[in-house]
Every structure is written in C-alpha cells, then in structure tokens.
Amino acid sequence: MTKTYFGTASAYMKQNLFQKSEIAQLFVSTMLEYRDSRRFAVHEYVVILNHVHVLFSIDNGQSLSQVMQLLKGGFSHALGVAGSRMKAVWQPGYDDHRVRDAAEYFRIRNYIRSNPVRRGLTEAPEGYSFSSAKLAAHLDEVPEGLELLTRVGCVVPA
C-alpha cells in the first residue's frame, strides 16, 4: 500500500541556504536521483530560500523517517562533496503530514505550487525555477486511491 506525505525541512537557523541557484538546483538534483532509483515517488516540490516542501509517496517497507533522512542527509553529503564547509545544514527534525484523500492531496499540491508567489519570488508558479510547477516533467503520477477526483471528472482548483 502506498502512503503519501507532505514533508517540510528547514535550513539550519532559517538561513537562506537556497538563495544561490546552484545550491537550490543541487537539492532538486539530489531528490530526483533518489526518486529515479525508486526510493520514493515525487508528486510536487518547491525549494524556497530557507526551506523545502515535498509531496511524496512511499511503499510499505519504507518509512517516512528514512525518506526524510535520504533527502536531508543525501543533500548534506552532496553539498559537502561540492565543497561546502557548513557544519550544520538543516534544522533538526522535519514537519510532516499524512495525505489521506484526494481533496487534501490537491489542496497541498496547490499550496506547494503557490508558495513562491506568496513569498513574492515570482508572479506565477510556473515562473519559479526550483518548483515542480515549472518542471512538471519530473513528477510522478497521482498515487492510486488519491486520483479519484480526477477520474470522476470533478474540477479541482489549480
């Protein structure tokens, strides 16, 4: 059975870690490498100045904490390999929310996509470079069981 989560991780001391494009892109690349190796599915994401939001699914046998460790630890390692000397990259822990139905899935998807607009970083979600709204080709399908609203023809607000 697939479980879908909305996860948020913040940079250490809320520093603007991702203000440099190279660092934001490194997070996206690291996340997509794990996704491509089938560690988890990525449905939506955004990398904002001091935090990341990811809407993802995992299968039985995987845990939420394992995926968050991959995202945070994998990125920290990649950052070190790239030459960073930062001692602390992330705030301890993370925020998570289990997505239980299609309406919630689409509400969270819209929240993630509109995050850069609310922050004044772009005028339209598609205009922000480090977001799944711009890079939709990198997204996985809506998880089985949560796609019901799209199947029955309901309109889900964008």
Foldseek 3Di string as FASTA:
>chain_A
DKWKKKKKWWWVVLAQQPPDVVLLVLLVVQLLVCVVVVQWFWAKKFDGRTMIITIIMHDPVDDPVVSVCSSVVVSVVVVVVVPDPDPGTTDPDIDMDIDDAQLSVLVVRVCRLCVCCVVVNDVGSLPDDNICSVVVVSHDDDDPRHCVCVVVPHDRDD
